[in-house]
């Protein structure tokens, strides 16, 4: 589907989307249409429960007086609350109706609104962002589609007065959406298609954007002492890999980078501690953390973000076999710390442990954020509405939480502490890889913290409950969500802005 920007004149064919403010206040274009249709909009609204609140909509078919197929009224809510998220919800809801119809063309009319906090071009850009986010679907393997599954819409026009400025404002958002779609697709692919080697092949395509990509094989990882990561994959016929992506966008290419670390378990059977068969197929997306890191790296490279960032993803497949690690095995991690593996299904933390240690020892980051579908316990605690946030630094935690609120990817901070840390003490090694059932998401984070220097600000995002949606939402169709791409991209952008503000100005000579 093609998205274009055009003048704000009324189209002569297809469907049209107009906004209505809370209290049934028509926007200028809606008012114009109401006049041309002899009050059809006013009468339809009066006969319905639609009053212009957010996430409300009303459809009029074949309106008299116009050559359009349908008019879609979408609620904007209160003018003063039309922030980026509200506008994206408007665009996503509009697109959900347009995709369900059989029109080949549609137009969204974007009007200037008194008391709205954003400029018109920015409003149009975020409406377009929400609309495009809603278009994603993973159906490449469907060879036969019902009429309902076939989308007829070929062109979406965003019509507004300053359409050239709107197009320019949308461009950076469009690059972020490309990254979101990449992460959704990588997470959606079945495990016979995406495994460590094929994942690395996909990542290598990003070199064309200026990213540096290094792929470490098992021989290299053994040299680095990554026995914890290697132990997870030793039961699989697929070889494990560590992928390192580098973007050196700062003026000082030697400046310490931000580090992103992702868990990439391309399929998690649980290993010898095998999972129940029910829903095991979902474990194809246990590499979603790695997909998010790759998506963020694509986004910052495509946008030429002026900062240095390192992305590290550990790619493994956790399978049961005669060579698989056993409950009770003890492995020595790259940090030199020993781990008693009591549950081979608590494997993601082993992968992250060596990846976290590697990025500190070899790239000396200014801060680290790891992201992983790490525990079922976080799903029990927070459901599908928030991701878990753990951090050793309050400032970092607050900035991540604020970034998440801004893009609708919300985080809830949980505690860390010595009492939880004692739950992973082992009688036979430096630690065990699970703290039993109590506070499972917290003890997993405590485990990771043991591989992070106290002097490095670090945060852990547990996205197990939010990485896959069981139903459509306004901007996220059912399936892989790519939760974390927009959050981390926003966080990095804000970090750049903070650096710019704090940088001393040059004084005139």
Protein backbone atom coordinates (compact mmCIF):
# COMPACT_ATOMS: atom_id res chain seq x y z
CA UNK A 1 0.00 0.00 0.00
CA UNK A 2 1.25 3.47 -0.91
CA UNK A 3 1.01 6.42 1.49
CA UNK A 4 1.09 9.89 -0.06
CA UNK A 5 0.61 13.47 1.13
CA UNK A 6 -1.66 15.84 -0.77
CA UNK A 7 -3.51 19.15 -0.63
CA UNK A 8 -6.46 19.42 1.71
CA UNK A 9 -9.14 19.50 -0.99
CA UNK A 10 -11.90 16.90 -0.72
CA UNK A 11 -11.25 13.75 -2.78
CA UNK A 12 -13.74 12.74 -5.46
CA UNK A 13 -13.64 8.98 -4.92
CA UNK A 14 -12.99 6.30 -2.35
CA UNK A 15 -13.37 6.60 1.42
CA UNK A 16 -12.65 9.62 3.56
CA UNK A 17 -11.71 9.88 7.24
CA UNK A 18 -12.49 12.99 9.28
CA UNK A 19 -12.07 13.79 12.94
CA UNK A 20 -14.65 14.81 15.50
CA UNK A 21 -13.70 16.38 18.83
CA UNK A 22 -15.18 15.36 22.14
CA UNK A 23 -18.63 16.87 22.60
CA UNK A 24 -19.55 16.14 18.95
CA UNK A 25 -17.60 19.15 17.71
CA UNK A 26 -16.93 18.76 14.00
CA UNK A 27 -13.51 19.59 12.61
CA UNK A 28 -13.46 22.04 9.67
CA UNK A 29 -13.47 19.35 6.98
CA UNK A 30 -16.18 17.40 8.78
CA UNK A 31 -18.25 20.59 8.95
CA UNK A 32 -17.78 21.16 5.21
CA UNK A 33 -18.91 17.61 4.44
CA UNK A 34 -21.88 18.01 6.76
CA UNK A 35 -22.97 21.07 4.78
CA UNK A 36 -22.55 19.33 1.42
CA UNK A 37 -24.57 16.33 2.58
CA UNK A 38 -27.39 18.45 4.03
CA UNK A 39 -26.50 17.61 7.63
CA UNK A 40 -25.97 13.88 7.19
CA UNK A 41 -23.08 13.82 9.68
CA UNK A 42 -24.99 15.76 12.31
CA UNK A 43 -28.02 13.48 11.98
CA UNK A 44 -25.95 10.29 12.10
CA UNK A 45 -24.07 11.45 15.20
CA UNK A 46 -27.30 12.49 16.91
CA UNK A 47 -28.76 9.03 16.30
CA UNK A 48 -25.71 7.24 17.76
CA UNK A 49 -23.67 6.96 20.93
CA UNK A 50 -20.71 8.54 19.13
CA UNK A 51 -19.64 11.79 20.81
CA UNK A 52 -16.04 12.23 19.59
CA UNK A 53 -14.18 10.53 22.41
CA UNK A 54 -10.89 8.77 21.69
CA UNK A 55 -11.21 5.28 20.18
CA UNK A 56 -14.79 5.95 19.06
CA UNK A 57 -15.81 5.73 15.41
CA UNK A 58 -18.87 5.96 13.19
CA UNK A 59 -19.24 5.00 9.51
CA UNK A 60 -21.61 6.49 6.95
CA UNK A 61 -22.03 4.55 3.70
CA UNK A 62 -22.54 6.13 0.25
CA UNK A 63 -23.41 9.62 1.54
CA UNK A 64 -25.81 11.58 -0.65
CA UNK A 65 -24.31 14.69 -2.24
CA UNK A 66 -20.77 13.26 -2.57
CA UNK A 67 -19.22 10.68 -4.90
CA UNK A 68 -17.48 8.96 -1.97
CA UNK A 69 -18.06 5.34 -0.92
CA UNK A 70 -18.02 6.00 2.81
CA UNK A 71 -17.22 8.57 5.46
CA UNK A 72 -15.39 7.34 8.56
CA UNK A 73 -15.79 9.58 11.61
CA UNK A 74 -13.10 9.01 14.22
CA UNK A 75 -13.07 10.53 17.70
CA UNK A 76 -10.18 12.85 18.57
CA UNK A 77 -11.04 13.40 22.22
CA UNK A 78 -10.16 16.73 23.82
CA UNK A 79 -8.18 19.18 21.67
CA UNK A 80 -5.72 19.98 24.48
CA UNK A 81 -4.90 16.26 24.86
CA UNK A 82 -4.02 15.61 21.21
CA UNK A 83 -0.47 14.44 21.84
CA UNK A 84 1.51 12.11 19.59
CA UNK A 85 0.00 8.94 21.09
CA UNK A 86 -3.58 10.19 20.76
CA UNK A 87 -2.98 11.07 17.11
CA UNK A 88 -1.42 7.68 16.41
CA UNK A 89 -4.47 6.02 17.95
CA UNK A 90 -6.64 8.12 15.64
CA UNK A 91 -4.63 7.00 12.60
CA UNK A 92 -4.57 3.36 13.66
CA UNK A 93 -8.32 3.23 14.30
CA UNK A 94 -9.02 4.88 10.96
CA UNK A 95 -6.81 2.37 9.17
CA UNK A 96 -8.51 -0.60 10.87
CA UNK A 97 -11.81 0.50 9.31
CA UNK A 98 -10.28 1.20 5.91
CA UNK A 99 -8.61 -2.20 5.75
CA UNK A 100 -11.86 -3.93 6.61
CA UNK A 101 -13.61 -2.30 3.65
CA UNK A 102 -13.14 -2.86 -0.08
CA UNK A 103 -12.04 0.61 -1.16
CA UNK A 104 -8.86 0.90 -3.19
CA UNK A 105 -8.34 4.56 -2.26
CA UNK A 106 -8.87 6.49 0.93
CA UNK A 107 -8.01 9.91 2.31
CA UNK A 108 -7.48 11.12 5.87
CA UNK A 109 -8.27 14.80 6.29
CA UNK A 110 -6.02 16.52 8.83
CA UNK A 111 -7.22 19.94 9.97
CA UNK A 112 -5.66 22.57 12.17
CA UNK A 113 -7.34 22.44 15.58
CA UNK A 114 -7.42 25.27 18.07
CA UNK A 115 -5.78 24.43 21.42
CA UNK A 116 -4.00 21.35 20.00
CA UNK A 117 -0.48 21.17 21.47
CA UNK A 118 1.30 20.10 18.27
CA UNK A 119 1.88 21.87 14.94
CA UNK A 120 -0.31 20.75 12.04
CA UNK A 121 2.53 19.01 10.15
CA UNK A 122 3.49 17.06 13.27
CA UNK A 123 -0.12 16.08 13.83
CA UNK A 124 -0.36 14.76 10.28
CA UNK A 125 2.89 12.84 10.69
CA UNK A 126 1.74 11.03 13.81
CA UNK A 127 -1.67 10.22 12.34
CA UNK A 128 0.18 8.70 9.39
CA UNK A 129 2.48 6.83 11.77
CA UNK A 130 -0.47 5.24 13.56
CA UNK A 131 -2.11 4.33 10.26
CA UNK A 132 0.99 2.63 8.89
CA UNK A 133 1.69 0.76 12.14
CA UNK A 134 -1.78 -0.76 11.84
CA UNK A 135 -1.10 -2.09 8.33
CA UNK A 136 1.44 -4.72 9.41
CA UNK A 137 0.53 -8.36 8.98
CA UNK A 138 2.58 -11.53 8.75
CA UNK A 139 0.92 -13.68 6.12
CA UNK A 140 3.74 -14.62 3.75
CA UNK A 141 3.04 -18.33 4.18
CA UNK A 142 -0.69 -18.12 3.44
CA UNK A 143 -1.22 -19.51 -0.06
CA UNK A 144 -4.98 -19.09 0.05
CA UNK A 145 -6.76 -16.08 1.52
CA UNK A 146 -10.43 -15.41 2.10
CA UNK A 147 -11.95 -12.16 0.85
CA UNK A 148 -11.83 -10.90 4.43
CA UNK A 149 -8.09 -11.54 4.57
CA UNK A 150 -7.40 -9.70 1.32
CA UNK A 151 -6.86 -5.98 1.73
CA UNK A 152 -8.10 -3.90 -1.21
CA UNK A 153 -6.65 -0.57 -0.12
CA UNK A 154 -3.89 0.49 -2.51
CA UNK A 155 -3.37 4.15 -1.66
CA UNK A 156 -3.83 6.21 1.48
CA UNK A 157 -3.70 9.98 1.04
CA UNK A 158 -2.95 12.25 3.97
CA UNK A 159 -4.57 15.55 3.00
CA UNK A 160 -3.58 18.71 4.84
CA UNK A 161 -2.72 22.34 4.07
CA UNK A 162 1.04 22.09 4.54
CA UNK A 163 1.42 18.63 3.08
CA UNK A 164 5.12 19.03 2.18
CA UNK A 165 6.00 19.81 5.82
CA UNK A 166 3.90 16.85 6.94
CA UNK A 167 5.77 14.55 4.56
CA UNK A 168 9.08 15.82 5.93
CA UNK A 169 7.91 15.32 9.53
CA UNK A 170 6.81 11.78 8.77
CA UNK A 171 10.12 10.65 7.25
CA UNK A 172 11.97 9.96 10.55
CA UNK A 173 8.88 8.26 11.97
CA UNK A 174 8.65 6.12 8.85
CA UNK A 175 12.20 4.88 9.40
CA UNK A 176 11.30 3.87 12.94
CA UNK A 177 8.26 2.00 11.61
CA UNK A 178 10.52 0.14 9.16
CA UNK A 179 12.54 -0.98 12.19
CA UNK A 180 9.40 -2.01 14.08
CA UNK A 181 8.28 -4.08 11.09
CA UNK A 182 11.70 -5.74 10.84
CA UNK A 183 11.55 -6.75 14.52
CA UNK A 184 7.95 -7.99 14.14
CA UNK A 185 8.88 -10.10 11.13
CA UNK A 186 11.98 -11.62 12.73
CA UNK A 187 9.91 -12.55 15.79
CA UNK A 188 7.08 -13.97 13.66
CA UNK A 189 9.18 -16.26 11.49
CA UNK A 190 9.06 -19.95 12.45
CA UNK A 191 12.10 -21.55 14.02
CA UNK A 192 12.86 -23.60 10.93
CA UNK A 193 13.35 -20.31 9.06
CA UNK A 194 14.97 -18.12 11.71
CA UNK A 195 17.76 -19.80 13.64
CA UNK A 196 21.15 -18.38 14.70
CA UNK A 197 22.81 -18.55 11.28
CA UNK A 198 19.84 -17.31 9.25
CA UNK A 199 19.24 -14.55 11.81
CA UNK A 200 22.84 -13.40 11.37
CA UNK A 201 22.36 -13.41 7.59
CA UNK A 202 19.41 -11.04 7.99
CA UNK A 203 21.44 -8.78 10.27
CA UNK A 204 24.31 -8.60 7.79
CA UNK A 205 21.97 -6.88 5.32
CA UNK A 206 22.12 -3.84 7.62
CA UNK A 207 25.73 -3.17 6.65
CA UNK A 208 24.38 -1.14 3.73
CA UNK A 209 23.16 1.44 6.28
CA UNK A 210 26.69 1.91 7.63
CA UNK A 211 26.43 -0.50 10.53
CA UNK A 212 29.44 -2.64 11.37
CA UNK A 213 28.44 -6.28 11.94
CA UNK A 214 30.71 -8.92 13.47
CA UNK A 215 29.59 -12.52 13.91
CA UNK A 216 31.43 -14.68 16.46
CA UNK A 217 31.25 -18.44 15.92
CA UNK A 218 31.54 -21.06 18.65
CA UNK A 219 35.33 -21.27 18.31
CA UNK A 220 35.65 -17.53 18.94
CA UNK A 221 33.23 -17.68 21.86
CA UNK A 222 35.21 -20.51 23.46
CA UNK A 223 38.29 -18.33 23.22
CA UNK A 224 36.34 -15.60 25.02
CA UNK A 225 35.24 -18.07 27.72
CA UNK A 226 31.54 -17.85 26.93
CA UNK A 227 30.74 -21.25 28.37
CA UNK A 228 27.38 -20.17 29.83
CA UNK A 229 26.03 -19.12 26.41
CA UNK A 230 27.54 -22.13 24.67
CA UNK A 231 26.04 -24.52 27.20
CA UNK A 232 22.52 -23.43 26.23
CA UNK A 233 23.01 -24.32 22.59
CA UNK A 234 25.07 -27.48 22.94
CA UNK A 235 22.02 -29.74 22.56
CA UNK A 236 21.06 -28.26 19.20
CA UNK A 237 22.22 -29.12 15.69
CA UNK A 238 22.23 -25.34 15.08
CA UNK A 239 25.48 -23.63 16.04
CA UNK A 240 25.33 -20.74 18.50
CA UNK A 241 26.52 -17.26 17.52
CA UNK A 242 27.23 -13.89 19.08
CA UNK A 243 26.44 -10.92 16.84
CA UNK A 244 27.93 -7.49 17.50
CA UNK A 245 26.50 -4.44 15.71
CA UNK A 246 28.22 -1.06 15.93
CA UNK A 247 27.00 2.38 14.96
CA UNK A 248 29.58 5.13 15.38
CA UNK A 249 27.52 8.21 14.69
CA UNK A 250 29.04 10.58 17.22
CA UNK A 251 31.50 13.26 16.19
CA UNK A 252 33.96 11.54 18.53
CA UNK A 253 33.99 7.97 17.24
CA UNK A 254 35.99 6.97 20.33
CA UNK A 255 33.32 8.22 22.75
CA UNK A 256 31.94 5.53 25.04
CA UNK A 257 28.80 3.99 23.52
CA UNK A 258 25.38 3.08 24.79
CA UNK A 259 25.12 -0.72 24.84
CA UNK A 260 22.01 -2.72 24.00
CA UNK A 261 22.03 -6.46 24.74
CA UNK A 262 19.35 -8.85 23.49
CA UNK A 263 18.39 -12.43 24.21
CA UNK A 264 18.19 -14.45 21.00
CA UNK A 265 16.87 -17.93 21.77
CA UNK A 266 15.45 -18.79 18.34
CA UNK A 267 13.54 -21.71 19.79
CA UNK A 268 13.19 -22.65 23.44
CA UNK A 269 12.06 -26.21 24.07
CA UNK A 270 13.24 -25.89 27.66
CA UNK A 271 16.06 -28.34 26.97
CA UNK A 272 16.19 -31.36 29.28
CA UNK A 273 13.81 -29.44 31.59
CA UNK A 274 11.38 -29.62 28.69
CA UNK A 275 8.35 -27.37 28.50
CA UNK A 276 4.78 -28.72 28.28
CA UNK A 277 3.74 -29.27 24.68
CA UNK A 278 0.83 -26.83 24.93
CA UNK A 279 1.88 -23.47 23.46
CA UNK A 280 5.47 -24.61 22.94
CA UNK A 281 5.13 -23.31 19.38
CA UNK A 282 5.06 -19.81 20.83
CA UNK A 283 8.71 -20.21 21.74
CA UNK A 284 9.74 -19.21 18.24
CA UNK A 285 9.59 -15.65 19.55
CA UNK A 286 11.94 -16.22 22.47
CA UNK A 287 14.43 -14.27 20.38
CA UNK A 288 12.29 -11.12 20.42
CA UNK A 289 14.81 -9.26 22.57
CA UNK A 290 17.47 -9.79 19.91
CA UNK A 291 14.99 -8.73 17.21
CA UNK A 292 14.31 -5.51 19.11
CA UNK A 293 18.01 -4.72 19.41
CA UNK A 294 18.47 -5.27 15.68
CA UNK A 295 15.45 -3.09 14.95
CA UNK A 296 16.80 -0.27 17.10
CA UNK A 297 20.20 -0.49 15.43
CA UNK A 298 18.55 -0.28 12.00
CA UNK A 299 16.54 2.74 13.10
CA UNK A 300 19.43 4.76 14.49
CA UNK A 301 21.56 3.98 11.43
CA UNK A 302 18.77 4.89 8.99
CA UNK A 303 18.23 8.15 10.86
CA UNK A 304 21.99 8.76 11.15
CA UNK A 305 21.62 9.38 14.88
CA UNK A 306 24.68 11.28 16.19
CA UNK A 307 25.70 8.83 18.92
CA UNK A 308 27.76 5.68 19.35
CA UNK A 309 25.74 2.55 20.06
CA UNK A 310 26.76 -1.11 20.40
CA UNK A 311 24.18 -3.85 19.96
CA UNK A 312 25.07 -7.37 21.14
CA UNK A 313 22.78 -10.37 20.67
CA UNK A 314 23.45 -13.92 21.77
CA UNK A 315 21.82 -16.38 19.34
CA UNK A 316 21.16 -19.95 20.43
CA UNK A 317 18.61 -22.75 20.10
CA UNK A 318 17.72 -24.59 23.31
CA UNK A 319 17.01 -28.22 22.43
CA UNK A 320 17.04 -31.57 24.28
CA UNK A 321 19.45 -34.20 22.96
CA UNK A 322 22.27 -36.46 24.03
CA UNK A 323 24.61 -33.47 24.00
CA UNK A 324 22.32 -31.05 25.85
CA UNK A 325 23.33 -29.60 29.20
CA UNK A 326 21.81 -31.40 32.17
CA UNK A 327 20.21 -30.10 35.35
CA UNK A 328 23.02 -30.04 37.90
CA UNK A 329 25.76 -29.12 35.41
CA UNK A 330 28.18 -26.39 36.49
CA UNK A 331 29.54 -23.97 33.88
CA UNK A 332 32.15 -21.23 34.10
CA UNK A 333 30.97 -17.98 32.53
CA UNK A 334 33.11 -15.47 30.63
CA UNK A 335 33.33 -13.43 33.83
CA UNK A 336 34.96 -16.37 35.63
CA UNK A 337 31.94 -16.84 37.89
CA UNK A 338 30.55 -20.37 38.11
CA UNK A 339 26.89 -21.24 37.62
CA UNK A 340 25.02 -24.34 38.77
CA UNK A 341 22.36 -25.02 36.15
CA UNK A 342 19.42 -26.45 38.07
CA UNK A 343 16.84 -25.76 35.36
CA UNK A 344 17.79 -25.81 31.68
CA UNK A 345 14.63 -23.82 30.91
CA UNK A 346 16.12 -20.84 32.76
CA UNK A 347 18.49 -20.44 29.82
CA UNK A 348 18.08 -16.85 28.64
CA UNK A 349 19.96 -15.48 31.63
CA UNK A 350 22.94 -17.69 30.76
CA UNK A 351 23.02 -16.19 27.27
CA UNK A 352 22.73 -12.65 28.61
CA UNK A 353 25.35 -13.22 31.31
CA UNK A 354 28.16 -13.76 28.80
CA UNK A 355 26.86 -11.08 26.42
CA UNK A 356 26.69 -8.51 29.23
CA UNK A 357 30.21 -9.34 30.35
CA UNK A 358 31.54 -9.18 26.81
CA UNK A 359 30.16 -5.73 26.05
CA UNK A 360 31.59 -4.29 29.26
CA UNK A 361 35.04 -5.82 28.85
CA UNK A 362 35.48 -4.99 25.17
CA UNK A 363 33.43 -1.84 24.51
CA UNK A 364 33.33 0.00 27.87
CA UNK A 365 29.81 1.42 27.49
CA UNK A 366 28.51 4.47 29.29
CA UNK A 367 25.36 2.49 30.14
CA UNK A 368 23.75 -0.86 29.32
CA UNK A 369 20.15 -1.84 28.64
CA UNK A 370 19.35 -5.50 28.11
CA UNK A 371 16.00 -6.67 26.77
CA UNK A 372 14.65 -10.20 26.87
CA UNK A 373 11.60 -12.43 26.99
CA UNK A 374 13.10 -13.72 30.19
CA UNK A 375 10.49 -15.07 32.62
CA UNK A 376 6.96 -16.36 32.85
CA UNK A 377 6.91 -14.77 36.29
CA UNK A 378 6.76 -11.28 34.76
CA UNK A 379 3.66 -12.34 32.82
CA UNK A 380 2.03 -13.44 36.07
CA UNK A 381 2.99 -10.17 37.75
CA UNK A 382 2.18 -7.62 35.03
CA UNK A 383 0.17 -9.40 32.35
CA UNK A 384 0.27 -7.94 28.86
CA UNK A 385 0.12 -4.25 29.80
CA UNK A 386 3.58 -3.42 31.15
CA UNK A 387 7.09 -4.77 30.72
CA UNK A 388 9.19 -5.30 33.82
CA UNK A 389 11.96 -2.79 34.52
CA UNK A 390 14.91 -3.48 36.81
CA UNK A 391 17.84 -1.12 37.23
CA UNK A 392 20.84 -0.32 39.37
CA UNK A 393 20.50 3.39 38.58
CA UNK A 394 17.46 5.57 39.37
CA UNK A 395 18.17 8.18 36.69
CA UNK A 396 18.44 5.54 33.97
CA UNK A 397 15.24 3.86 35.19
CA UNK A 398 13.33 7.15 35.15
CA UNK A 399 14.50 8.02 31.64
CA UNK A 400 13.52 4.62 30.28
CA UNK A 401 10.12 4.81 31.93
CA UNK A 402 9.51 8.29 30.50
CA UNK A 403 10.52 7.13 27.01
CA UNK A 404 8.11 4.23 27.31
CA UNK A 405 5.23 6.48 28.35
CA UNK A 406 5.89 8.78 25.39
CA UNK A 407 5.52 5.99 22.82
CA UNK A 408 2.96 3.81 24.59
CA UNK A 409 5.40 1.04 25.60
CA UNK A 410 5.01 1.19 29.35
CA UNK A 411 7.41 -0.09 31.98
CA UNK A 412 6.81 -0.97 35.62
CA UNK A 413 9.84 -0.92 37.90
CA UNK A 414 10.35 -3.82 40.29
CA UNK A 415 12.85 -4.00 43.14
CA UNK A 416 16.31 -5.51 43.43
CA UNK A 417 17.95 -6.32 46.76
CA UNK A 418 20.17 -8.57 48.84
CA UNK A 419 17.26 -10.64 50.12
CA UNK A 420 16.39 -11.63 46.55
CA UNK A 421 20.03 -12.12 45.66
CA UNK A 422 20.43 -14.71 48.42
CA UNK A 423 17.79 -16.84 46.70
CA UNK A 424 20.27 -17.69 43.92
CA UNK A 425 23.15 -18.69 46.19
CA UNK A 426 24.42 -22.19 45.39
CA UNK A 427 26.04 -24.78 47.64
CA UNK A 428 28.21 -26.03 44.79
CA UNK A 429 29.02 -22.94 42.69
CA UNK A 430 29.03 -19.14 42.86
CA UNK A 431 25.34 -19.07 42.02
CA UNK A 432 22.49 -21.17 40.67
CA UNK A 433 20.52 -20.19 37.62
CA UNK A 434 17.11 -20.11 39.26
CA UNK A 435 15.71 -18.90 42.54
CA UNK A 436 12.74 -21.25 42.52
CA UNK A 437 9.16 -19.97 42.15
CA UNK A 438 9.07 -16.99 44.50
CA UNK A 439 9.82 -13.60 42.85
CA UNK A 440 11.05 -15.36 39.72
CA UNK A 441 11.38 -12.24 37.57
CA UNK A 442 13.33 -10.49 40.32
CA UNK A 443 15.75 -13.34 40.98
CA UNK A 444 16.39 -13.55 37.22
CA UNK A 445 17.30 -9.86 37.26
CA UNK A 446 19.49 -10.43 40.34
CA UNK A 447 21.31 -13.12 38.38
CA UNK A 448 22.01 -10.70 35.52
CA UNK A 449 23.16 -7.98 37.91
CA UNK A 450 26.00 -10.23 39.03
CA UNK A 451 27.51 -9.83 35.57
CA UNK A 452 27.35 -6.04 35.52
CA UNK A 453 29.94 -3.78 37.11
CA UNK A 454 28.57 -1.60 39.92
CA UNK A 455 30.06 1.44 38.19
CA UNK A 456 28.04 0.94 34.99
CA UNK A 457 24.41 2.13 34.90
CA UNK A 458 22.37 -0.88 33.82
CA UNK A 459 18.73 -1.69 33.21
CA UNK A 460 16.99 -4.95 32.38
CA UNK A 461 13.68 -5.04 30.50
CA UNK A 462 11.69 -8.27 30.81
CA UNK A 463 9.28 -8.21 27.84
CA UNK A 464 7.89 -11.75 28.11
CA UNK A 465 4.33 -10.52 28.64
CA UNK A 466 4.24 -7.80 25.99
CA UNK A 467 6.19 -9.20 23.05
CA UNK A 468 3.23 -11.08 21.53
CA UNK A 469 -0.36 -9.84 21.36
CA UNK A 470 -3.27 -12.27 21.37
CA UNK A 471 -5.63 -9.71 19.85
CA UNK A 472 -5.53 -6.61 17.67
CA UNK A 473 -4.97 -3.23 19.31
CA UNK A 474 -5.28 0.14 17.62
CA UNK A 475 -1.73 0.25 16.24
CA UNK A 476 -0.52 -3.29 16.89
CA UNK A 477 -2.16 -6.15 14.98
CA UNK A 478 -2.37 -9.56 16.64
CA UNK A 479 1.04 -11.25 16.81
CA UNK A 480 4.54 -9.92 17.31
CA UNK A 481 4.54 -6.42 18.80
CA UNK A 482 8.23 -5.38 18.56
CA UNK A 483 7.76 -3.87 22.02
CA UNK A 484 10.96 -2.01 22.87
CA UNK A 485 11.99 -0.71 19.45
CA UNK A 486 10.23 2.63 19.77
CA UNK A 487 10.98 2.85 23.49
CA UNK A 488 14.73 2.37 23.09
CA UNK A 489 14.89 4.54 19.97
CA UNK A 490 13.17 7.32 21.91
CA UNK A 491 15.49 6.81 24.89
CA UNK A 492 18.57 7.06 22.66
CA UNK A 493 17.21 10.16 20.91
CA UNK A 494 16.55 11.81 24.28
CA UNK A 495 20.07 10.87 25.37
CA UNK A 496 21.42 12.66 22.29
CA UNK A 497 19.30 15.72 23.09
CA UNK A 498 20.56 15.74 26.67
CA UNK A 499 24.14 15.60 25.44
CA UNK A 500 23.47 18.50 23.10
CA UNK A 501 21.96 20.60 25.89
CA UNK A 502 24.78 19.85 28.32
CA UNK A 503 27.56 20.44 25.78
CA UNK A 504 29.27 23.81 26.56
CA UNK A 505 28.84 26.43 23.87
CA UNK A 506 31.89 27.75 22.06
CA UNK A 507 32.83 31.23 23.15
CA UNK A 508 33.57 33.95 20.63
CA UNK A 509 37.22 34.93 20.40
